[in-house]
Amino acid sequence: ADVLKRVEKMGDLFEPVLKLKQKLPQLAGLGAEVEKKEAAGVALAAQAQSRPRAKKFKTASRARRKV
């Protein structure tokens, strides 16, 4: 009941949204861009070299002192 009173008083709040048109990209061009990005990613991964790992040193454990 409150909603109907509001609509009569203020109008439909969502009316401007209903008038909007959605713009979608062309489907023909989408597949080509994905293939280009994948090819670039594969080429970049192929160029990457593995780095030598840093040696991890164990810390000396401290003896507990009795107080």
C-alpha atoms as a PDB file:
ATOM      1  CA  ALA A   1       0.000   0.000   0.000  1.00  0.00           C
ATOM      2  CA  ASP A   2       2.847   2.401   0.865  1.00  0.00           C
ATOM      3  CA  VAL A   3       4.575   1.588  -2.405  1.00  0.00           C
ATOM      4  CA  LEU A   4       1.493   2.435  -4.443  1.00  0.00           C
ATOM      5  CA  LYS A   5       1.149   5.766  -2.629  1.00  0.00           C
ATOM      6  CA  ARG A   6       4.796   6.553  -3.306  1.00  0.00           C
ATOM      7  CA  VAL A   7       4.440   5.677  -7.006  1.00  0.00           C
ATOM      8  CA  GLU A   8       1.397   7.930  -7.307  1.00  0.00           C
ATOM      9  CA  LYS A   9       3.236  10.759  -5.556  1.00  0.00           C
ATOM     10  CA  MET A  10       6.789  10.461  -6.987  1.00  0.00           C
ATOM     11  CA  GLY A  11       6.379   8.304 -10.067  1.00  0.00           C
ATOM     12  CA  ASP A  12       8.347   5.184 -10.947  1.00  0.00           C
ATOM     13  CA  LEU A  13      11.887   5.455  -9.587  1.00  0.00           C
ATOM     14  CA  PHE A  14      13.203   2.902 -12.093  1.00  0.00           C
ATOM     15  CA  GLU A  15      11.727   4.498 -15.220  1.00  0.00           C
ATOM     16  CA  PRO A  16      15.061   6.041 -16.352  1.00  0.00           C
ATOM     17  CA  VAL A  17      16.733   2.632 -16.075  1.00  0.00           C
ATOM     18  CA  LEU A  18      14.130   1.044 -18.335  1.00  0.00           C
ATOM     19  CA  LYS A  19      14.915   3.604 -21.045  1.00  0.00           C
ATOM     20  CA  LEU A  20      18.656   2.850 -21.099  1.00  0.00           C
ATOM     21  CA  LYS A  21      20.104   0.751 -23.904  1.00  0.00           C
ATOM     22  CA  GLN A  22      22.920  -1.686 -23.255  1.00  0.00           C
ATOM     23  CA  LYS A  23      25.853  -1.647 -25.668  1.00  0.00           C
ATOM     24  CA  LEU A  24      27.513  -5.015 -26.163  1.00  0.00           C
ATOM     25  CA  PRO A  25      30.814  -5.628 -27.990  1.00  0.00           C
ATOM     26  CA  GLN A  26      30.817  -7.318 -31.380  1.00  0.00           C
ATOM     27  CA  LEU A  27      31.160 -11.081 -31.016  1.00  0.00           C
ATOM     28  CA  ALA A  28      33.367 -11.452 -34.102  1.00  0.00           C
ATOM     29  CA  GLY A  29      36.295  -9.569 -32.567  1.00  0.00           C
ATOM     30  CA  LEU A  30      36.244 -11.182 -29.132  1.00  0.00           C
ATOM     31  CA  GLY A  31      37.859 -14.508 -30.065  1.00  0.00           C
ATOM     32  CA  ALA A  32      40.811 -12.903 -31.843  1.00  0.00           C
ATOM     33  CA  GLU A  33      41.778 -10.772 -28.844  1.00  0.00           C
ATOM     34  CA  VAL A  34      41.719 -13.749 -26.491  1.00  0.00           C
ATOM     35  CA  GLU A  35      44.025 -15.708 -28.798  1.00  0.00           C
ATOM     36  CA  LYS A  36      46.451 -12.756 -29.014  1.00  0.00           C
ATOM     37  CA  LYS A  37      46.589 -12.411 -25.228  1.00  0.00           C
ATOM     38  CA  GLU A  38      47.150 -16.154 -24.773  1.00  0.00           C
ATOM     39  CA  ALA A  39      49.931 -16.166 -27.375  1.00  0.00           C
ATOM     40  CA  ALA A  40      51.613 -13.202 -25.696  1.00  0.00           C
ATOM     41  CA  GLY A  41      51.386 -14.929 -22.307  1.00  0.00           C
ATOM     42  CA  VAL A  42      52.896 -18.143 -23.658  1.00  0.00           C
ATOM     43  CA  ALA A  43      55.733 -16.227 -25.323  1.00  0.00           C
ATOM     44  CA  LEU A  44      56.468 -14.351 -22.116  1.00  0.00           C
ATOM     45  CA  ALA A  45      56.478 -17.562 -20.090  1.00  0.00           C
ATOM     46  CA  ALA A  46      58.864 -19.163 -22.582  1.00  0.00           C
ATOM     47  CA  GLN A  47      61.324 -16.289 -22.147  1.00  0.00           C
ATOM     48  CA  ALA A  48      61.312 -16.501 -18.375  1.00  0.00           C
ATOM     49  CA  GLN A  49      64.328 -18.143 -16.790  1.00  0.00           C
ATOM     50  CA  SER A  50      64.278 -19.928 -13.498  1.00  0.00           C
ATOM     51  CA  ARG A  51      66.213 -18.081 -10.836  1.00  0.00           C
ATOM     52  CA  PRO A  52      68.439 -19.947  -8.400  1.00  0.00           C
ATOM     53  CA  ARG A  53      66.838 -20.225  -5.005  1.00  0.00           C
ATOM     54  CA  ALA A  54      68.414 -18.447  -2.091  1.00  0.00           C
ATOM     55  CA  LYS A  55      69.855 -20.722   0.548  1.00  0.00           C
ATOM     56  CA  LYS A  56      67.883 -20.798   3.747  1.00  0.00           C
ATOM     57  CA  PHE A  57      69.887 -20.791   6.914  1.00  0.00           C
ATOM     58  CA  LYS A  58      68.570 -22.336  10.083  1.00  0.00           C
ATOM     59  CA  THR A  59      68.689 -20.067  13.073  1.00  0.00           C
ATOM     60  CA  ALA A  60      70.519 -21.331  16.111  1.00  0.00           C
ATOM     61  CA  SER A  61      68.112 -22.307  18.823  1.00  0.00           C
ATOM     62  CA  ARG A  62      68.650 -20.602  22.133  1.00  0.00           C
ATOM     63  CA  ALA A  63      68.927 -22.677  25.240  1.00  0.00           C
ATOM     64  CA  ARG A  64      66.271 -21.848  27.784  1.00  0.00           C
ATOM     65  CA  ARG A  65      67.507 -20.357  30.983  1.00  0.00           C
ATOM     66  CA  LYS A  66      66.077 -21.541  34.231  1.00  0.00           C
ATOM     67  CA  VAL A  67      65.320 -18.709  36.606  1.00  0.00           C
END
